[in-house]
Amino acid sequence: MAGQPTKPLLHALAGEVLDLPPWWLMRQAGRYLPEYREVRAKAGDFVTLCLTPDLAAEVTLQPVRRFGMDAAILFSDILLVPRALGQRLSFENDGPKLAPISDIAGLGVADLAMLAPVGEAVLRVRRDLPEQTALIGFAGAPWTVSTYMIEGGTSRDFHRVKEVAYRDPPGFDVLIEKITAATLAFLTLQIEAGVEVVQLFDSWAGALSPGGFERWVIAPTKQLVAALKTRFPSVPIIGFPRAAGWLYERYAAETGVDAVSLDTGVPAELARDRLQSRVTVQGNLDPMMLVVGGDGMRDAVRQLRAILGRGPYIFNLGHGILPETPPHHVAELARLLREPIAG
């Protein structure tokens, strides 16, 4: 529509092929930035930072001010949903800690008042965001959120959650249904406050067998996407089923997402040949390349653009930016992404 600002990210998510790929980075607001560390110290603890709208908005905007990404991603955390469901949450040096669940059936509905500050942060970000920059909201996908709720934190082998899921699949379905309902409410809150795109992070999708992936990744994601598309048909949805391997293709075909974010292990040629005709693809520079920088990073960026840049494409990492990343390497990346593709 005439007079509306052009947002490259939204064009790419609509399936358009752009001369310069829109870009943003997962965890782009984070510890690699000294200005973030200052705000984090001021907040005192991580949950307070997420739930103080002025502070959350400030750290959301910091990387966009510094590097000019095509999108800001709202500073929040996927574990605010378990907290809203009544589970105690804290963050320690070794990561998140949640009180064990003793009674899945006894979990209630999400307390949306606990999530309201996230909507306030969205309003503040939209007020100060450049017109051409899109705002992304997000949530954890039900399977990934369930792993934290059952394991009590991050896990390497997912022993507890798999035991619960495989021993009593119908009982575990109840937990997935409760998380799905809470996630829909959380994303609805974000969209109504003003986010223009949402991403579902299924960070531990690769831990499941194909049957489990179908039941606890594809099915609830499909349900969420359908509900969101009914309520907000113009809001694109990006899915990130990390480490899904060959199941990426089923995920793209069956969930209804508009784009898939590729983890580092997905070959760019496979994404071009098997995914990009169906959905926009996003990714997938190895975050360590951004840490190391130099010719290796430059070559990897140019190769990704050469393979994926002739289809609907958003440049990103294959996972979150690492805390030890030098900010000047991100500035170099921003410069590289403004160069035309040769040939």
C-alpha atoms as a PDB file:
ATOM      1  CA  MET A   1       0.000   0.000   0.000  1.00  0.00           C
ATOM      2  CA  ALA A   2       1.325   3.437  -0.918  1.00  0.00           C
ATOM      3  CA  GLY A   3       2.814   5.321   1.982  1.00  0.00           C
ATOM      4  CA  GLN A   4       3.526   2.237   4.089  1.00  0.00           C
ATOM      5  CA  PRO A   5       7.150   1.617   5.069  1.00  0.00           C
ATOM      6  CA  THR A   6       8.936  -1.194   3.303  1.00  0.00           C
ATOM      7  CA  LYS A   7      10.119  -3.945   5.630  1.00  0.00           C
ATOM      8  CA  PRO A   8      12.433  -6.349   3.808  1.00  0.00           C
ATOM      9  CA  LEU A   9      11.866  -9.150   6.327  1.00  0.00           C
ATOM     10  CA  LEU A  10       8.123  -9.164   5.642  1.00  0.00           C
ATOM     11  CA  HIS A  11       8.710  -9.250   1.894  1.00  0.00           C
ATOM     12  CA  ALA A  12      11.004 -12.279   2.259  1.00  0.00           C
ATOM     13  CA  LEU A  13       8.463 -14.043   4.465  1.00  0.00           C
ATOM     14  CA  ALA A  14       5.834 -13.439   1.782  1.00  0.00           C
ATOM     15  CA  GLY A  15       8.001 -15.466  -0.606  1.00  0.00           C
ATOM     16  CA  GLU A  16       9.687 -12.612  -2.440  1.00  0.00           C
ATOM     17  CA  VAL A  17      13.292 -12.897  -3.633  1.00  0.00           C
ATOM     18  CA  LEU A  18      15.311  -9.826  -2.676  1.00  0.00           C
ATOM     19  CA  ASP A  19      18.631  -8.596  -4.047  1.00  0.00           C
ATOM     20  CA  LEU A  20      19.960  -8.174  -0.496  1.00  0.00           C
ATOM     21  CA  PRO A  21      18.798 -10.719   2.098  1.00  0.00           C
ATOM     22  CA  PRO A  22      17.105  -9.314   5.168  1.00  0.00           C
ATOM     23  CA  TRP A  23      18.939 -10.383   8.285  1.00  0.00           C
ATOM     24  CA  TRP A  24      18.804 -10.671  12.042  1.00  0.00           C
ATOM     25  CA  LEU A  25      20.548 -12.938  14.545  1.00  0.00           C
ATOM     26  CA  MET A  26      19.120 -15.260  17.135  1.00  0.00           C
ATOM     27  CA  ARG A  27      20.065 -13.949  20.607  1.00  0.00           C
ATOM     28  CA  GLN A  28      21.208 -10.711  18.975  1.00  0.00           C
ATOM     29  CA  ALA A  29      20.370  -8.913  22.232  1.00  0.00           C
ATOM     30  CA  GLY A  30      22.790 -10.482  24.648  1.00  0.00           C
ATOM     31  CA  ARG A  31      26.025 -10.748  26.557  1.00  0.00           C
ATOM     32  CA  TYR A  32      28.371 -10.066  23.630  1.00  0.00           C
ATOM     33  CA  LEU A  33      27.268  -6.397  23.798  1.00  0.00           C
ATOM     34  CA  PRO A  34      28.722  -4.245  26.598  1.00  0.00           C
ATOM     35  CA  GLU A  35      25.587  -2.096  26.639  1.00  0.00           C
ATOM     36  CA  TYR A  36      23.520  -5.226  27.316  1.00  0.00           C
ATOM     37  CA  ARG A  37      25.759  -6.207  30.206  1.00  0.00           C
ATOM     38  CA  GLU A  38      25.236  -2.788  31.765  1.00  0.00           C
ATOM     39  CA  VAL A  39      21.438  -3.131  31.628  1.00  0.00           C
ATOM     40  CA  ARG A  40      21.618  -6.730  32.850  1.00  0.00           C
ATOM     41  CA  ALA A  41      23.590  -5.601  35.897  1.00  0.00           C
ATOM     42  CA  LYS A  42      21.051  -2.872  36.559  1.00  0.00           C
ATOM     43  CA  ALA A  43      18.169  -5.386  36.466  1.00  0.00           C
ATOM     44  CA  GLY A  44      19.777  -7.623  39.083  1.00  0.00           C
ATOM     45  CA  ASP A  45      18.408 -10.921  37.779  1.00  0.00           C
ATOM     46  CA  PHE A  46      17.348 -12.314  34.422  1.00  0.00           C
ATOM     47  CA  VAL A  47      13.624 -12.746  35.110  1.00  0.00           C
ATOM     48  CA  THR A  48      13.420  -9.142  36.322  1.00  0.00           C
ATOM     49  CA  LEU A  49      15.099  -8.016  33.104  1.00  0.00           C
ATOM     50  CA  CYS A  50      12.552  -9.919  31.001  1.00  0.00           C
ATOM     51  CA  LEU A  51       9.596  -8.535  32.964  1.00  0.00           C
ATOM     52  CA  THR A  52      10.634  -4.891  33.296  1.00  0.00           C
ATOM     53  CA  PRO A  53       9.234  -3.318  30.113  1.00  0.00           C
ATOM     54  CA  ASP A  54      11.636  -0.364  29.867  1.00  0.00           C
ATOM     55  CA  LEU A  55      14.688  -2.590  30.334  1.00  0.00           C
ATOM     56  CA  ALA A  56      13.444  -5.351  28.026  1.00  0.00           C
ATOM     57  CA  ALA A  57      12.668  -2.776  25.339  1.00  0.00           C
ATOM     58  CA  GLU A  58      16.093  -1.173  25.713  1.00  0.00           C
ATOM     59  CA  VAL A  59      18.015  -4.417  25.203  1.00  0.00           C
ATOM     60  CA  THR A  60      15.733  -5.363  22.293  1.00  0.00           C
ATOM     61  CA  LEU A  61      16.671  -2.131  20.519  1.00  0.00           C
ATOM     62  CA  GLN A  62      20.406  -2.136  21.283  1.00  0.00           C
ATOM     63  CA  PRO A  63      21.634  -4.399  18.452  1.00  0.00           C
ATOM     64  CA  VAL A  64      19.398  -2.672  15.888  1.00  0.00           C
ATOM     65  CA  ARG A  65      20.856   0.702  16.850  1.00  0.00           C
ATOM     66  CA  ARG A  66      24.391  -0.613  16.591  1.00  0.00           C
ATOM     67  CA  PHE A  67      24.195  -2.856  13.520  1.00  0.00           C
ATOM     68  CA  GLY A  68      21.008  -2.026  11.613  1.00  0.00           C
ATOM     69  CA  MET A  69      19.424  -5.487  11.458  1.00  0.00           C
ATOM     70  CA  ASP A  70      16.204  -5.802   9.452  1.00  0.00           C
ATOM     71  CA  ALA A  71      14.401  -7.125  12.515  1.00  0.00           C
ATOM     72  CA  ALA A  72      14.427  -6.766  16.260  1.00  0.00           C
ATOM     73  CA  ILE A  73      13.485  -9.825  18.249  1.00  0.00           C
ATOM     74  CA  LEU A  74      11.707  -9.102  21.492  1.00  0.00           C
ATOM     75  CA  PHE A  75      13.866  -9.717  24.550  1.00  0.00           C
ATOM     76  CA  SER A  76      12.038 -12.344  26.570  1.00  0.00           C
ATOM     77  CA  ASP A  77      12.427 -16.024  27.427  1.00  0.00           C
ATOM     78  CA  ILE A  78      10.600 -19.206  26.502  1.00  0.00           C
ATOM     79  CA  LEU A  79      10.411 -20.236  30.172  1.00  0.00           C
ATOM     80  CA  LEU A  80       8.065 -17.426  31.094  1.00  0.00           C
ATOM     81  CA  VAL A  81       5.307 -19.800  29.952  1.00  0.00           C
ATOM     82  CA  PRO A  82       6.065 -22.487  32.581  1.00  0.00           C
ATOM     83  CA  ARG A  83       6.307 -19.700  35.144  1.00  0.00           C
ATOM     84  CA  ALA A  84       2.847 -18.479  34.131  1.00  0.00           C
ATOM     85  CA  LEU A  85       1.613 -22.064  34.501  1.00  0.00           C
ATOM     86  CA  GLY A  86       2.740 -22.002  38.122  1.00  0.00           C
ATOM     87  CA  GLN A  87       6.216 -23.509  37.975  1.00  0.00           C
ATOM     88  CA  ARG A  88       8.933 -21.761  39.986  1.00  0.00           C
ATOM     89  CA  LEU A  89      11.685 -20.375  37.739  1.00  0.00           C
ATOM     90  CA  SER A  90      15.141 -19.002  38.445  1.00  0.00           C
ATOM     91  CA  PHE A  91      18.345 -18.532  36.476  1.00  0.00           C
ATOM     92  CA  GLU A  92      21.699 -19.528  37.919  1.00  0.00           C
ATOM     93  CA  ASN A  93      25.221 -19.577  36.480  1.00  0.00           C
ATOM     94  CA  ASP A  94      24.643 -22.963  34.895  1.00  0.00           C
ATOM     95  CA  GLY A  95      21.296 -22.005  33.338  1.00  0.00           C
ATOM     96  CA  PRO A  96      17.585 -22.086  34.129  1.00  0.00           C
ATOM     97  CA  LYS A  97      16.165 -23.988  37.084  1.00  0.00           C
ATOM     98  CA  LEU A  98      12.529 -25.012  37.407  1.00  0.00           C
ATOM     99  CA  ALA A  99      10.825 -26.723  40.329  1.00  0.00           C
ATOM    100  CA  PRO A 100       9.908 -30.327  39.450  1.00  0.00           C
ATOM    101  CA  ILE A 101       6.352 -31.031  38.302  1.00  0.00           C
ATOM    102  CA  SER A 102       4.602 -33.390  40.668  1.00  0.00           C
ATOM    103  CA  ASP A 103       1.184 -33.403  39.012  1.00  0.00           C
ATOM    104  CA  ILE A 104       0.737 -32.724  35.287  1.00  0.00           C
ATOM    105  CA  ALA A 105      -3.040 -32.985  35.491  1.00  0.00           C
ATOM    106  CA  GLY A 106      -3.033 -30.451  38.312  1.00  0.00           C
ATOM    107  CA  LEU A 107      -1.433 -27.706  36.232  1.00  0.00           C
ATOM    108  CA  GLY A 108      -3.910 -24.903  35.636  1.00  0.00           C
ATOM    109  CA  VAL A 109      -4.209 -22.393  32.831  1.00  0.00           C
ATOM    110  CA  ALA A 110      -1.575 -19.719  32.325  1.00  0.00           C
ATOM    111  CA  ASP A 111      -1.793 -16.611  34.477  1.00  0.00           C
ATOM    112  CA  LEU A 112      -1.705 -13.982  31.718  1.00  0.00           C
ATOM    113  CA  ALA A 113      -1.195 -11.182  34.251  1.00  0.00           C
ATOM    114  CA  MET A 114       2.302 -12.593  34.775  1.00  0.00           C
ATOM    115  CA  LEU A 115       2.982 -12.157  31.052  1.00  0.00           C
ATOM    116  CA  ALA A 116       1.464  -8.687  30.684  1.00  0.00           C
ATOM    117  CA  PRO A 117       4.846  -6.881  31.052  1.00  0.00           C
ATOM    118  CA  VAL A 118       5.963  -8.587  27.835  1.00  0.00           C
ATOM    119  CA  GLY A 119       3.143  -6.846  25.966  1.00  0.00           C
ATOM    120  CA  GLU A 120       4.184  -3.547  27.516  1.00  0.00           C
ATOM    121  CA  ALA A 121       7.730  -4.089  26.270  1.00  0.00           C
ATOM    122  CA  VAL A 122       6.378  -4.670  22.755  1.00  0.00           C
ATOM    123  CA  LEU A 123       4.578  -1.331  22.842  1.00  0.00           C
ATOM    124  CA  ARG A 124       7.759   0.455  23.887  1.00  0.00           C
ATOM    125  CA  VAL A 125       9.854  -1.216  21.190  1.00  0.00           C
ATOM    126  CA  ARG A 126       7.360  -0.375  18.446  1.00  0.00           C
ATOM    127  CA  ARG A 127       7.446   3.259  19.511  1.00  0.00           C
ATOM    128  CA  ASP A 128      11.222   3.530  18.953  1.00  0.00           C
ATOM    129  CA  LEU A 129      11.883   0.997  16.187  1.00  0.00           C
ATOM    130  CA  PRO A 130      12.943   2.318  12.750  1.00  0.00           C
ATOM    131  CA  GLU A 131      10.099   2.169  10.222  1.00  0.00           C
ATOM    132  CA  GLN A 132      11.848  -0.352   7.979  1.00  0.00           C
ATOM    133  CA  THR A 133      12.645  -2.736  10.856  1.00  0.00           C
ATOM    134  CA  ALA A 134      10.239  -5.562  11.675  1.00  0.00           C
ATOM    135  CA  LEU A 135       9.546  -6.749  15.213  1.00  0.00           C
ATOM    136  CA  ILE A 136       9.635 -10.479  15.931  1.00  0.00           C
ATOM    137  CA  GLY A 137       7.924 -12.095  18.895  1.00  0.00           C
ATOM    138  CA  PHE A 138       8.537 -15.664  19.946  1.00  0.00           C
ATOM    139  CA  ALA A 139       7.770 -18.588  22.179  1.00  0.00           C
ATOM    140  CA  GLY A 140       9.149 -22.016  22.828  1.00  0.00           C
ATOM    141  CA  ALA A 141       7.390 -24.811  20.994  1.00  0.00           C
ATOM    142  CA  PRO A 142       5.497 -27.220  23.285  1.00  0.00           C
ATOM    143  CA  TRP A 143       7.958 -30.118  23.104  1.00  0.00           C
ATOM    144  CA  THR A 144      10.969 -27.960  23.966  1.00  0.00           C
ATOM    145  CA  VAL A 145       9.152 -26.217  26.818  1.00  0.00           C
ATOM    146  CA  SER A 146       8.065 -29.608  28.176  1.00  0.00           C
ATOM    147  CA  THR A 147      11.691 -30.767  28.345  1.00  0.00           C
ATOM    148  CA  TYR A 148      12.570 -27.930  30.719  1.00  0.00           C
ATOM    149  CA  MET A 149       9.430 -28.475  32.766  1.00  0.00           C
ATOM    150  CA  ILE A 150      10.106 -32.182  33.302  1.00  0.00           C
ATOM    151  CA  GLU A 151      13.915 -32.095  33.479  1.00  0.00           C
ATOM    152  CA  GLY A 152      13.968 -29.021  35.736  1.00  0.00           C
ATOM    153  CA  GLY A 153      16.444 -27.297  33.430  1.00  0.00           C
ATOM    154  CA  THR A 154      18.660 -27.997  30.456  1.00  0.00           C
ATOM    155  CA  SER A 155      19.423 -31.644  29.698  1.00  0.00           C
ATOM    156  CA  ARG A 156      21.940 -33.536  27.598  1.00  0.00           C
ATOM    157  CA  ASP A 157      20.078 -36.819  27.226  1.00  0.00           C
ATOM    158  CA  PHE A 158      16.428 -35.887  28.025  1.00  0.00           C
ATOM    159  CA  HIS A 159      16.149 -39.060  30.077  1.00  0.00           C
ATOM    160  CA  ARG A 160      13.370 -37.885  32.391  1.00  0.00           C
ATOM    161  CA  VAL A 161      11.112 -36.285  29.808  1.00  0.00           C
ATOM    162  CA  LYS A 162      11.441 -39.211  27.421  1.00  0.00           C
ATOM    163  CA  GLU A 163      10.645 -41.653  30.216  1.00  0.00           C
ATOM    164  CA  VAL A 164       7.477 -39.713  31.042  1.00  0.00           C
ATOM    165  CA  ALA A 165       6.490 -39.350  27.394  1.00  0.00           C
ATOM    166  CA  TYR A 166       7.166 -42.920  26.331  1.00  0.00           C
ATOM    167  CA  ARG A 167       5.805 -44.565  29.496  1.00  0.00           C
ATOM    168  CA  ASP A 168       2.485 -42.707  29.351  1.00  0.00           C
ATOM    169  CA  PRO A 169       1.940 -40.993  25.977  1.00  0.00           C
ATOM    170  CA  PRO A 170      -1.692 -39.967  26.689  1.00  0.00           C
ATOM    171  CA  GLY A 171      -0.659 -38.475  30.046  1.00  0.00           C
ATOM    172  CA  PHE A 172       2.196 -36.611  28.405  1.00  0.00           C
ATOM    173  CA  ASP A 173      -0.225 -35.343  25.757  1.00  0.00           C
ATOM    174  CA  VAL A 174      -2.045 -33.531  28.564  1.00  0.00           C
ATOM    175  CA  LEU A 175       1.109 -31.553  29.362  1.00  0.00           C
ATOM    176  CA  ILE A 176       1.660 -30.746  25.673  1.00  0.00           C
ATOM    177  CA  GLU A 177      -1.952 -29.553  25.402  1.00  0.00           C
ATOM    178  CA  LYS A 178      -1.574 -27.268  28.427  1.00  0.00           C
ATOM    179  CA  ILE A 179       1.662 -25.804  27.058  1.00  0.00           C
ATOM    180  CA  THR A 180       0.089 -25.367  23.620  1.00  0.00           C
ATOM    181  CA  ALA A 181      -2.832 -23.403  25.074  1.00  0.00           C
ATOM    182  CA  ALA A 182      -0.497 -21.222  27.150  1.00  0.00           C
ATOM    183  CA  THR A 183       1.781 -20.650  24.161  1.00  0.00           C
ATOM    184  CA  LEU A 184      -1.141 -19.565  22.016  1.00  0.00           C
ATOM    185  CA  ALA A 185      -2.155 -17.068  24.696  1.00  0.00           C
ATOM    186  CA  PHE A 186       1.425 -15.775  25.004  1.00  0.00           C
ATOM    187  CA  LEU A 187       1.835 -15.276  21.258  1.00  0.00           C
ATOM    188  CA  THR A 188      -1.605 -13.709  20.994  1.00  0.00           C
ATOM    189  CA  LEU A 189      -0.608 -11.205  23.666  1.00  0.00           C
ATOM    190  CA  GLN A 190       2.548 -10.332  21.739  1.00  0.00           C
ATOM    191  CA  ILE A 191       0.785  -9.961  18.388  1.00  0.00           C
ATOM    192  CA  GLU A 192      -2.000  -7.820  19.823  1.00  0.00           C
ATOM    193  CA  ALA A 193       0.665  -5.570  21.349  1.00  0.00           C
ATOM    194  CA  GLY A 194       2.359  -5.121  17.969  1.00  0.00           C
ATOM    195  CA  VAL A 195       4.825  -7.837  16.938  1.00  0.00           C
ATOM    196  CA  GLU A 196       4.668  -8.477  13.197  1.00  0.00           C
ATOM    197  CA  VAL A 197       6.254 -11.942  12.978  1.00  0.00           C
ATOM    198  CA  VAL A 198       6.541 -14.799  15.467  1.00  0.00           C
ATOM    199  CA  GLN A 199       9.092 -17.579  15.726  1.00  0.00           C
ATOM    200  CA  LEU A 200       8.569 -20.923  17.442  1.00  0.00           C
ATOM    201  CA  PHE A 201      11.788 -22.242  18.943  1.00  0.00           C
ATOM    202  CA  ASP A 202      11.837 -26.046  19.091  1.00  0.00           C
ATOM    203  CA  SER A 203      15.435 -26.178  20.216  1.00  0.00           C
ATOM    204  CA  TRP A 204      15.324 -29.843  21.287  1.00  0.00           C
ATOM    205  CA  ALA A 205      13.249 -31.238  18.409  1.00  0.00           C
ATOM    206  CA  GLY A 206      16.199 -33.382  17.353  1.00  0.00           C
ATOM    207  CA  ALA A 207      16.047 -35.402  20.593  1.00  0.00           C
ATOM    208  CA  LEU A 208      12.928 -37.285  19.480  1.00  0.00           C
ATOM    209  CA  SER A 209      12.416 -40.390  17.391  1.00  0.00           C
ATOM    210  CA  PRO A 210      10.445 -39.905  14.145  1.00  0.00           C
ATOM    211  CA  GLY A 211       7.259 -41.074  15.857  1.00  0.00           C
ATOM    212  CA  GLY A 212       7.776 -38.732  18.788  1.00  0.00           C
ATOM    213  CA  PHE A 213       8.617 -35.907  16.385  1.00  0.00           C
ATOM    214  CA  GLU A 214       5.316 -36.429  14.584  1.00  0.00           C
ATOM    215  CA  ARG A 215       3.311 -36.526  17.815  1.00  0.00           C
ATOM    216  CA  TRP A 216       5.007 -33.834  19.919  1.00  0.00           C
ATOM    217  CA  VAL A 217       6.647 -31.504  17.396  1.00  0.00           C
ATOM    218  CA  ILE A 218       4.591 -31.535  14.208  1.00  0.00           C
ATOM    219  CA  ALA A 219       1.117 -31.996  15.712  1.00  0.00           C
ATOM    220  CA  PRO A 220       1.191 -29.212  18.348  1.00  0.00           C
ATOM    221  CA  THR A 221       3.027 -26.867  15.983  1.00  0.00           C
ATOM    222  CA  LYS A 222       0.372 -27.454  13.336  1.00  0.00           C
ATOM    223  CA  GLN A 223      -2.315 -26.749  15.930  1.00  0.00           C
ATOM    224  CA  LEU A 224      -0.631 -23.503  17.007  1.00  0.00           C
ATOM    225  CA  VAL A 225      -0.071 -22.320  13.449  1.00  0.00           C
ATOM    226  CA  ALA A 226      -3.676 -23.010  12.474  1.00  0.00           C
ATOM    227  CA  ALA A 227      -5.003 -21.119  15.503  1.00  0.00           C
ATOM    228  CA  LEU A 228      -2.695 -18.156  14.921  1.00  0.00           C
ATOM    229  CA  LYS A 229      -3.511 -18.037  11.201  1.00  0.00           C
ATOM    230  CA  THR A 230      -7.216 -17.981  12.025  1.00  0.00           C
ATOM    231  CA  ARG A 231      -6.805 -15.068  14.427  1.00  0.00           C
ATOM    232  CA  PHE A 232      -3.988 -13.212  12.665  1.00  0.00           C
ATOM    233  CA  PRO A 233      -3.836 -14.273   9.013  1.00  0.00           C
ATOM    234  CA  SER A 234      -1.327 -11.563   8.062  1.00  0.00           C
ATOM    235  CA  VAL A 235       1.284 -12.492  10.714  1.00  0.00           C
ATOM    236  CA  PRO A 236       4.010 -14.811   9.348  1.00  0.00           C
ATOM    237  CA  ILE A 237       5.274 -17.688  11.458  1.00  0.00           C
ATOM    238  CA  ILE A 238       8.847 -19.007  11.450  1.00  0.00           C
ATOM    239  CA  GLY A 239       9.529 -22.476  12.834  1.00  0.00           C
ATOM    240  CA  PHE A 240      12.890 -23.639  14.157  1.00  0.00           C
ATOM    241  CA  PRO A 241      12.946 -27.436  14.671  1.00  0.00           C
ATOM    242  CA  ARG A 242      16.616 -27.536  15.578  1.00  0.00           C
ATOM    243  CA  ALA A 243      18.539 -30.708  14.681  1.00  0.00           C
ATOM    244  CA  ALA A 244      15.496 -32.231  12.950  1.00  0.00           C
ATOM    245  CA  GLY A 245      17.663 -33.484  10.080  1.00  0.00           C
ATOM    246  CA  TRP A 246      15.651 -35.162   7.334  1.00  0.00           C
ATOM    247  CA  LEU A 247      12.472 -34.365   9.251  1.00  0.00           C
ATOM    248  CA  TYR A 248      12.835 -30.695   8.309  1.00  0.00           C
ATOM    249  CA  GLU A 249      11.040 -31.513   5.076  1.00  0.00           C
ATOM    250  CA  ARG A 250       8.031 -33.014   6.865  1.00  0.00           C
ATOM    251  CA  TYR A 251       7.990 -30.102   9.274  1.00  0.00           C
ATOM    252  CA  ALA A 252       7.879 -27.591   6.411  1.00  0.00           C
ATOM    253  CA  ALA A 253       5.225 -29.572   4.553  1.00  0.00           C
ATOM    254  CA  GLU A 254       2.879 -30.357   7.444  1.00  0.00           C
ATOM    255  CA  THR A 255       2.974 -27.587  10.060  1.00  0.00           C
ATOM    256  CA  GLY A 256       1.849 -24.650   7.910  1.00  0.00           C
ATOM    257  CA  VAL A 257       4.726 -22.339   8.893  1.00  0.00           C
ATOM    258  CA  ASP A 258       5.748 -19.602   6.462  1.00  0.00           C
ATOM    259  CA  ALA A 259       9.476 -20.128   7.005  1.00  0.00           C
ATOM    260  CA  VAL A 260      11.873 -22.573   8.573  1.00  0.00           C
ATOM    261  CA  SER A 261      15.024 -21.561  10.385  1.00  0.00           C
ATOM    262  CA  LEU A 262      17.904 -23.906   9.589  1.00  0.00           C
ATOM    263  CA  ASP A 263      20.313 -25.187  12.186  1.00  0.00           C
ATOM    264  CA  THR A 264      24.014 -25.288  11.367  1.00  0.00           C
ATOM    265  CA  GLY A 265      23.894 -28.922  10.273  1.00  0.00           C
ATOM    266  CA  VAL A 266      21.410 -28.458   7.407  1.00  0.00           C
ATOM    267  CA  PRO A 267      23.250 -28.363   4.042  1.00  0.00           C
ATOM    268  CA  ALA A 268      22.362 -25.204   2.151  1.00  0.00           C
ATOM    269  CA  GLU A 269      21.946 -27.183  -1.068  1.00  0.00           C
ATOM    270  CA  LEU A 270      19.393 -29.464   0.583  1.00  0.00           C
ATOM    271  CA  ALA A 271      17.465 -26.450   1.866  1.00  0.00           C
ATOM    272  CA  ARG A 272      17.503 -24.922  -1.618  1.00  0.00           C
ATOM    273  CA  ASP A 273      16.389 -28.106  -3.346  1.00  0.00           C
ATOM    274  CA  ARG A 274      13.907 -29.546  -0.828  1.00  0.00           C
ATOM    275  CA  LEU A 275      12.582 -26.635   1.244  1.00  0.00           C
ATOM    276  CA  GLN A 276      12.884 -23.311  -0.541  1.00  0.00           C
ATOM    277  CA  SER A 277      10.214 -24.018  -3.141  1.00  0.00           C
ATOM    278  CA  ARG A 278       7.736 -24.518  -0.278  1.00  0.00           C
ATOM    279  CA  VAL A 279       8.763 -21.976   2.399  1.00  0.00           C
ATOM    280  CA  THR A 280      11.172 -19.144   3.027  1.00  0.00           C
ATOM    281  CA  VAL A 281      14.375 -20.426   4.591  1.00  0.00           C
ATOM    282  CA  GLN A 282      16.360 -18.685   7.302  1.00  0.00           C
ATOM    283  CA  GLY A 283      19.914 -19.278   8.461  1.00  0.00           C
ATOM    284  CA  ASN A 284      22.370 -20.836   8.936  1.00  0.00           C
ATOM    285  CA  LEU A 285      25.872 -19.518   9.550  1.00  0.00           C
ATOM    286  CA  ASP A 286      27.717 -21.432  12.273  1.00  0.00           C
ATOM    287  CA  PRO A 287      27.840 -19.083  15.289  1.00  0.00           C
ATOM    288  CA  MET A 288      31.518 -19.976  15.768  1.00  0.00           C
ATOM    289  CA  MET A 289      32.234 -18.489  12.340  1.00  0.00           C
ATOM    290  CA  LEU A 290      31.016 -15.169  13.711  1.00  0.00           C
ATOM    291  CA  VAL A 291      33.290 -15.592  16.735  1.00  0.00           C
ATOM    292  CA  VAL A 292      36.354 -16.320  14.596  1.00  0.00           C
ATOM    293  CA  GLY A 293      35.634 -13.821  11.814  1.00  0.00           C
ATOM    294  CA  GLY A 294      38.129 -13.209   9.026  1.00  0.00           C
ATOM    295  CA  ASP A 295      38.223 -14.881   5.637  1.00  0.00           C
ATOM    296  CA  GLY A 296      36.482 -18.006   6.909  1.00  0.00           C
ATOM    297  CA  MET A 297      33.442 -16.027   7.960  1.00  0.00           C
ATOM    298  CA  ARG A 298      33.411 -13.945   4.802  1.00  0.00           C
ATOM    299  CA  ASP A 299      33.628 -17.031   2.577  1.00  0.00           C
ATOM    300  CA  ALA A 300      30.879 -18.823   4.509  1.00  0.00           C
ATOM    301  CA  VAL A 301      28.548 -15.821   4.290  1.00  0.00           C
ATOM    302  CA  ARG A 302      29.102 -15.437   0.561  1.00  0.00           C
ATOM    303  CA  GLN A 303      28.584 -19.155  -0.020  1.00  0.00           C
ATOM    304  CA  LEU A 304      25.284 -19.167   1.860  1.00  0.00           C
ATOM    305  CA  ARG A 305      24.074 -16.177  -0.096  1.00  0.00           C
ATOM    306  CA  ALA A 306      25.159 -17.716  -3.402  1.00  0.00           C
ATOM    307  CA  ILE A 307      23.233 -20.925  -2.704  1.00  0.00           C
ATOM    308  CA  LEU A 308      20.142 -19.570  -0.940  1.00  0.00           C
ATOM    309  CA  GLY A 309      19.969 -15.941  -2.019  1.00  0.00           C
ATOM    310  CA  ARG A 310      18.206 -16.649  -5.294  1.00  0.00           C
ATOM    311  CA  GLY A 311      15.125 -17.860  -3.458  1.00  0.00           C
ATOM    312  CA  PRO A 312      13.103 -16.461  -0.546  1.00  0.00           C
ATOM    313  CA  TYR A 313      15.788 -16.129   2.115  1.00  0.00           C
ATOM    314  CA  ILE A 314      16.555 -14.496   5.469  1.00  0.00           C
ATOM    315  CA  PHE A 315      20.152 -14.505   6.657  1.00  0.00           C
ATOM    316  CA  ASN A 316      20.690 -15.680  10.239  1.00  0.00           C
ATOM    317  CA  LEU A 317      22.808 -18.020  12.322  1.00  0.00           C
ATOM    318  CA  GLY A 318      22.261 -21.733  12.795  1.00  0.00           C
ATOM    319  CA  HIS A 319      21.703 -21.095  16.507  1.00  0.00           C
ATOM    320  CA  GLY A 320      22.085 -18.183  18.940  1.00  0.00           C
ATOM    321  CA  ILE A 321      24.981 -15.745  18.860  1.00  0.00           C
ATOM    322  CA  LEU A 322      27.691 -16.749  21.338  1.00  0.00           C
ATOM    323  CA  PRO A 323      28.634 -14.487  24.273  1.00  0.00           C
ATOM    324  CA  GLU A 324      32.303 -14.339  23.199  1.00  0.00           C
ATOM    325  CA  THR A 325      31.425 -12.928  19.758  1.00  0.00           C
ATOM    326  CA  PRO A 326      33.383  -9.701  19.062  1.00  0.00           C
ATOM    327  CA  PRO A 327      30.922  -6.922  18.190  1.00  0.00           C
ATOM    328  CA  HIS A 328      33.166  -5.742  15.343  1.00  0.00           C
ATOM    329  CA  HIS A 329      32.635  -9.130  13.652  1.00  0.00           C
ATOM    330  CA  VAL A 330      28.883  -8.454  13.660  1.00  0.00           C
ATOM    331  CA  ALA A 331      29.589  -5.043  12.143  1.00  0.00           C
ATOM    332  CA  GLU A 332      31.637  -6.771   9.431  1.00  0.00           C
ATOM    333  CA  LEU A 333      28.750  -9.172   8.816  1.00  0.00           C
ATOM    334  CA  ALA A 334      26.379  -6.235   8.389  1.00  0.00           C
ATOM    335  CA  ARG A 335      28.741  -4.792   5.779  1.00  0.00           C
ATOM    336  CA  LEU A 336      28.987  -8.105   3.906  1.00  0.00           C
ATOM    337  CA  LEU A 337      25.215  -8.441   3.745  1.00  0.00           C
ATOM    338  CA  ARG A 338      24.936  -5.058   2.033  1.00  0.00           C
ATOM    339  CA  GLU A 339      27.166  -6.254  -0.846  1.00  0.00           C
ATOM    340  CA  PRO A 340      25.469  -7.509  -4.030  1.00  0.00           C
ATOM    341  CA  ILE A 341      25.862 -11.209  -4.817  1.00  0.00           C
ATOM    342  CA  ALA A 342      28.508 -11.643  -7.514  1.00  0.00           C
ATOM    343  CA  GLY A 343      27.588 -13.357 -10.766  1.00  0.00           C
END
